[in-house]
């Protein structure tokens, strides 16, 4: 080993059994909670009391459970969209912008075509949310297939264009007339999602039914359809897909339209179900969170649903923790970052391991 060579290197780990992988993840969660506890102790708080407040703040009553589920719905749908693209190894970091543009497409009908019956209006809002979100995702996909552009940077930059477009609408053509400050109007009643009973919680907008249907559809699409098989093959080896005669460019465009369209549907459900008004905070960072959710779920739709719920519990719990203990938002973000860093780091070490470089190797 030369003096300039590092003492350690990263090597790929042999695939672990499901039991060992599950035990490794459990240890990572416990380590994350322990690291968070040390941070809380350093701030002068009792970790068990703080963690208890977080859990009760997210799940302590039917009302709190309802709010947690409202956070789960758009995050789960965004993660469904992201995992489809990631499964094809197209790094779609633009879910935030696709959520926003889906909300814009849906809001147009809520503001300007609201004389329709509720069922017709909501269907139009959903269709155009999917369509506008999908078309927004097709832009980087087309440039990728045509010119080989970097999709990570392209999709990331489109997020900011979408965000500032909503700001333009808020301060310009869609601004509420006679308002004291720049804001868009509240949705009329017929443009709001109806509520139906959710077991043990009470009435919740029908987005939860859409979310469960989408899980089932994605599972079938990926496992039992030709299109799902094609995107998996393209993700595993693009050259193999071309050799087998698959139209790779067409598969990329189709998959990105579906991926971004699902994110657009998430925007429609958020703007019509929870917010009931288009704002420039409609994305709420969910598009970026969806990336972490998709990886932690190992690109599984069912896993993404479970991880999205855990993220929502954590988000609602941290909000309650800030209120109860008057912890600054920055401290709450640091604690959340510590926990996520430990859990995401564990996923890396499930596939790789750190090894000492042998003597004599360059």
Foldseek 3Di string as FASTA:
>chain_A
DDPPDDQKDKDWDDADDPVVLVVLLVVLLVVLLVVLQVLCVVVPDHSVVLVVLLLCLCPVALVNVQQLVLQLLLLLLLLLLQLLCVLLPQRQLQLLLLLLQLLVQLVCCQVPVPPDALVVSQVSSLVRLLQRLLVLLLVLLVCCVPPVDRRVVVSVVSNVVSLVVLVCCQQPVQFDPPDPDRFHDFGPPSLAAFWDQDPPRGTAGCSVVVLVVVLVVSVCCLPPDPLNVLSNVSSVPVVVSVVVVHPVSVSSSVSSSNSSSSSSSSSSCQCRYPVRGRDSCSSVCSSNVSVLLCVLLVSRSVSSSVVSSVVSSLVSSLVSSCVVVVDDPVSSVVSVVSSSVSSVVSSVVSTMDMGGDDPPDD
